[in-house]
Amino acid sequence: MQQIFTTETEGKTLIIVAHRPVSSFAVADVRAELDALTPELQRAEVKGVVLDLEEMPYFGTHMLEAMHLIWRPIRARGGKMALCNVSDVGHEILRTARFDSLWPICPSRQEALQAVAE
């Protein structure tokens, strides 16, 4: 089965790419992958996270929870997180959950990288 998240690094920013929707059937997979991401998120040199949602046209509460879990260790160190390539449906979900006020939502990965670097 395809991973839900893969990572890349650009400078001091960890880029997390979401590859498939997270349903209630995949909660255990999400937890396992987030546990595997924890050491990367806790590396001292990581100052920001970009979450690229280009391959995820929609998401629900499980993904919202995953976003919050990704953000917590970065926030604890004073770092930033930005989202990019969010679909129109994704924008509406984030707006409804009021998560759009937590992180910048950028149209491109490059703009998200700039947002967390500032």
C-alpha atoms as a PDB file:
ATOM      1  CA  MET A   1       0.000   0.000   0.000  1.00  0.00           C
ATOM      2  CA  GLN A   2       1.210   3.516  -0.839  1.00  0.00           C
ATOM      3  CA  GLN A   3       2.491   5.656   1.992  1.00  0.00           C
ATOM      4  CA  ILE A   4       0.273   8.494   3.099  1.00  0.00           C
ATOM      5  CA  PHE A   5       3.195  10.876   3.716  1.00  0.00           C
ATOM      6  CA  THR A   6       6.636  11.231   2.189  1.00  0.00           C
ATOM      7  CA  THR A   7       9.228  13.820   3.136  1.00  0.00           C
ATOM      8  CA  GLU A   8      11.830  15.991   1.488  1.00  0.00           C
ATOM      9  CA  THR A   9      14.135  18.552   3.022  1.00  0.00           C
ATOM     10  CA  GLU A  10      14.989  21.966   1.649  1.00  0.00           C
ATOM     11  CA  GLY A  11      17.375  23.891   3.846  1.00  0.00           C
ATOM     12  CA  LYS A  12      15.876  24.039   7.332  1.00  0.00           C
ATOM     13  CA  THR A  13      12.395  23.135   6.103  1.00  0.00           C
ATOM     14  CA  LEU A  14      10.840  19.694   6.151  1.00  0.00           C
ATOM     15  CA  ILE A  15       8.411  19.237   3.266  1.00  0.00           C
ATOM     16  CA  ILE A  16       5.712  16.650   3.902  1.00  0.00           C
ATOM     17  CA  VAL A  17       3.726  15.504   0.885  1.00  0.00           C
ATOM     18  CA  ALA A  18       0.337  13.898   1.500  1.00  0.00           C
ATOM     19  CA  HIS A  19      -0.315  11.250  -1.147  1.00  0.00           C
ATOM     20  CA  ARG A  20      -3.745   9.848  -0.416  1.00  0.00           C
ATOM     21  CA  PRO A  21      -6.885  10.670   1.537  1.00  0.00           C
ATOM     22  CA  VAL A  22      -6.979   9.652   5.167  1.00  0.00           C
ATOM     23  CA  SER A  23     -10.116   7.757   6.073  1.00  0.00           C
ATOM     24  CA  SER A  24     -11.194   6.171   9.314  1.00  0.00           C
ATOM     25  CA  PHE A  25      -9.899   2.886   7.873  1.00  0.00           C
ATOM     26  CA  ALA A  26      -6.379   4.332   7.682  1.00  0.00           C
ATOM     27  CA  VAL A  27      -6.138   5.813  11.192  1.00  0.00           C
ATOM     28  CA  ALA A  28      -3.627   3.173  12.322  1.00  0.00           C
ATOM     29  CA  ASP A  29      -1.528   3.821   9.195  1.00  0.00           C
ATOM     30  CA  VAL A  30      -1.587   7.570   9.861  1.00  0.00           C
ATOM     31  CA  ARG A  31      -0.506   7.080  13.474  1.00  0.00           C
ATOM     32  CA  ALA A  32       2.342   4.775  12.420  1.00  0.00           C
ATOM     33  CA  GLU A  33       3.547   7.210   9.770  1.00  0.00           C
ATOM     34  CA  LEU A  34       3.281  10.193  12.136  1.00  0.00           C
ATOM     35  CA  ASP A  35       5.269   8.252  14.737  1.00  0.00           C
ATOM     36  CA  ALA A  36       7.927   7.626  12.080  1.00  0.00           C
ATOM     37  CA  LEU A  37       7.944  11.366  11.217  1.00  0.00           C
ATOM     38  CA  THR A  38       8.418  12.456  14.827  1.00  0.00           C
ATOM     39  CA  PRO A  39      12.240  12.173  14.839  1.00  0.00           C
ATOM     40  CA  GLU A  40      12.420  14.276  11.671  1.00  0.00           C
ATOM     41  CA  LEU A  41      10.091  16.903  13.150  1.00  0.00           C
ATOM     42  CA  GLN A  42      12.151  17.042  16.345  1.00  0.00           C
ATOM     43  CA  ARG A  43      15.521  17.567  14.638  1.00  0.00           C
ATOM     44  CA  ALA A  44      16.921  20.855  15.941  1.00  0.00           C
ATOM     45  CA  GLU A  45      17.850  22.078  12.462  1.00  0.00           C
ATOM     46  CA  VAL A  46      14.244  21.804  11.218  1.00  0.00           C
ATOM     47  CA  LYS A  47      12.758  25.270  11.651  1.00  0.00           C
ATOM     48  CA  GLY A  48       9.680  24.924   9.470  1.00  0.00           C
ATOM     49  CA  VAL A  49       7.295  22.514   7.807  1.00  0.00           C
ATOM     50  CA  VAL A  50       5.530  22.755   4.480  1.00  0.00           C
ATOM     51  CA  LEU A  51       2.602  20.390   4.064  1.00  0.00           C
ATOM     52  CA  ASP A  52       1.924  19.861   0.348  1.00  0.00           C
ATOM     53  CA  LEU A  53      -1.658  18.741  -0.276  1.00  0.00           C
ATOM     54  CA  GLU A  54      -1.601  18.702  -4.076  1.00  0.00           C
ATOM     55  CA  GLU A  55      -2.439  14.985  -4.248  1.00  0.00           C
ATOM     56  CA  MET A  56      -5.203  15.240  -1.648  1.00  0.00           C
ATOM     57  CA  PRO A  57      -8.290  16.942  -3.120  1.00  0.00           C
ATOM     58  CA  TYR A  58     -10.318  16.446   0.059  1.00  0.00           C
ATOM     59  CA  PHE A  59      -9.737  15.423   3.660  1.00  0.00           C
ATOM     60  CA  GLY A  60     -11.595  15.110   6.921  1.00  0.00           C
ATOM     61  CA  THR A  61     -11.077  15.186  10.643  1.00  0.00           C
ATOM     62  CA  HIS A  62      -8.359  12.532  10.635  1.00  0.00           C
ATOM     63  CA  MET A  63      -6.194  14.650   8.338  1.00  0.00           C
ATOM     64  CA  LEU A  64      -6.950  17.768  10.359  1.00  0.00           C
ATOM     65  CA  GLU A  65      -5.752  15.908  13.440  1.00  0.00           C
ATOM     66  CA  ALA A  66      -2.633  14.778  11.573  1.00  0.00           C
ATOM     67  CA  MET A  67      -1.917  18.407  10.585  1.00  0.00           C
ATOM     68  CA  HIS A  68      -2.156  19.458  14.205  1.00  0.00           C
ATOM     69  CA  LEU A  69       0.137  16.627  15.326  1.00  0.00           C
ATOM     70  CA  ILE A  70       2.702  17.606  12.667  1.00  0.00           C
ATOM     71  CA  TRP A  71       2.555  21.249  13.778  1.00  0.00           C
ATOM     72  CA  ARG A  72       2.942  20.708  17.549  1.00  0.00           C
ATOM     73  CA  PRO A  73       6.667  19.898  17.731  1.00  0.00           C
ATOM     74  CA  ILE A  74       7.511  22.688  15.287  1.00  0.00           C
ATOM     75  CA  ARG A  75       5.387  25.219  17.166  1.00  0.00           C
ATOM     76  CA  ALA A  76       6.991  24.167  20.473  1.00  0.00           C
ATOM     77  CA  ARG A  77      10.359  25.287  19.074  1.00  0.00           C
ATOM     78  CA  GLY A  78       9.010  28.545  17.658  1.00  0.00           C
ATOM     79  CA  GLY A  79       8.977  27.251  14.078  1.00  0.00           C
ATOM     80  CA  LYS A  80       6.379  27.786  11.375  1.00  0.00           C
ATOM     81  CA  MET A  81       4.176  25.623   9.217  1.00  0.00           C
ATOM     82  CA  ALA A  82       2.496  26.443   5.915  1.00  0.00           C
ATOM     83  CA  LEU A  83       0.169  24.499   3.654  1.00  0.00           C
ATOM     84  CA  CYS A  84       0.334  24.546  -0.118  1.00  0.00           C
ATOM     85  CA  ASN A  85      -1.498  23.298  -3.183  1.00  0.00           C
ATOM     86  CA  VAL A  86      -4.772  23.094  -1.278  1.00  0.00           C
ATOM     87  CA  SER A  87      -7.865  22.327  -3.363  1.00  0.00           C
ATOM     88  CA  ASP A  88     -10.990  24.491  -3.221  1.00  0.00           C
ATOM     89  CA  VAL A  89     -12.695  21.796  -1.144  1.00  0.00           C
ATOM     90  CA  GLY A  90      -9.644  21.680   1.137  1.00  0.00           C
ATOM     91  CA  HIS A  91      -9.811  25.460   1.594  1.00  0.00           C
ATOM     92  CA  GLU A  92     -13.442  25.164   2.652  1.00  0.00           C
ATOM     93  CA  ILE A  93     -12.651  22.368   5.117  1.00  0.00           C
ATOM     94  CA  LEU A  94      -9.807  24.399   6.639  1.00  0.00           C
ATOM     95  CA  ARG A  95     -12.010  27.499   6.821  1.00  0.00           C
ATOM     96  CA  THR A  96     -14.852  25.569   8.485  1.00  0.00           C
ATOM     97  CA  ALA A  97     -12.466  24.049  11.044  1.00  0.00           C
ATOM     98  CA  ARG A  98     -10.863  27.480  11.510  1.00  0.00           C
ATOM     99  CA  PHE A  99      -7.475  25.972  10.747  1.00  0.00           C
ATOM    100  CA  ASP A 100      -6.981  28.608   8.065  1.00  0.00           C
ATOM    101  CA  SER A 101      -6.060  31.009  10.867  1.00  0.00           C
ATOM    102  CA  LEU A 102      -3.310  28.722  12.194  1.00  0.00           C
ATOM    103  CA  TRP A 103      -1.106  28.481   9.118  1.00  0.00           C
ATOM    104  CA  PRO A 104      -0.612  30.322   5.844  1.00  0.00           C
ATOM    105  CA  ILE A 105      -2.255  28.574   2.911  1.00  0.00           C
ATOM    106  CA  CYS A 106      -0.113  29.173  -0.152  1.00  0.00           C
ATOM    107  CA  PRO A 107      -0.888  28.478  -3.797  1.00  0.00           C
ATOM    108  CA  SER A 108       2.537  26.923  -4.479  1.00  0.00           C
ATOM    109  CA  ARG A 109       5.259  25.051  -2.659  1.00  0.00           C
ATOM    110  CA  GLN A 110       7.742  27.853  -3.355  1.00  0.00           C
ATOM    111  CA  GLU A 111       5.476  30.421  -1.694  1.00  0.00           C
ATOM    112  CA  ALA A 112       4.985  28.109   1.287  1.00  0.00           C
ATOM    113  CA  LEU A 113       8.757  27.698   1.619  1.00  0.00           C
ATOM    114  CA  GLN A 114       9.084  31.492   1.657  1.00  0.00           C
ATOM    115  CA  ALA A 115       6.301  31.801   4.256  1.00  0.00           C
ATOM    116  CA  VAL A 116       8.047  29.498   6.738  1.00  0.00           C
ATOM    117  CA  ALA A 117      11.456  31.066   6.072  1.00  0.00           C
ATOM    118  CA  GLU A 118      10.293  34.574   7.062  1.00  0.00           C
END
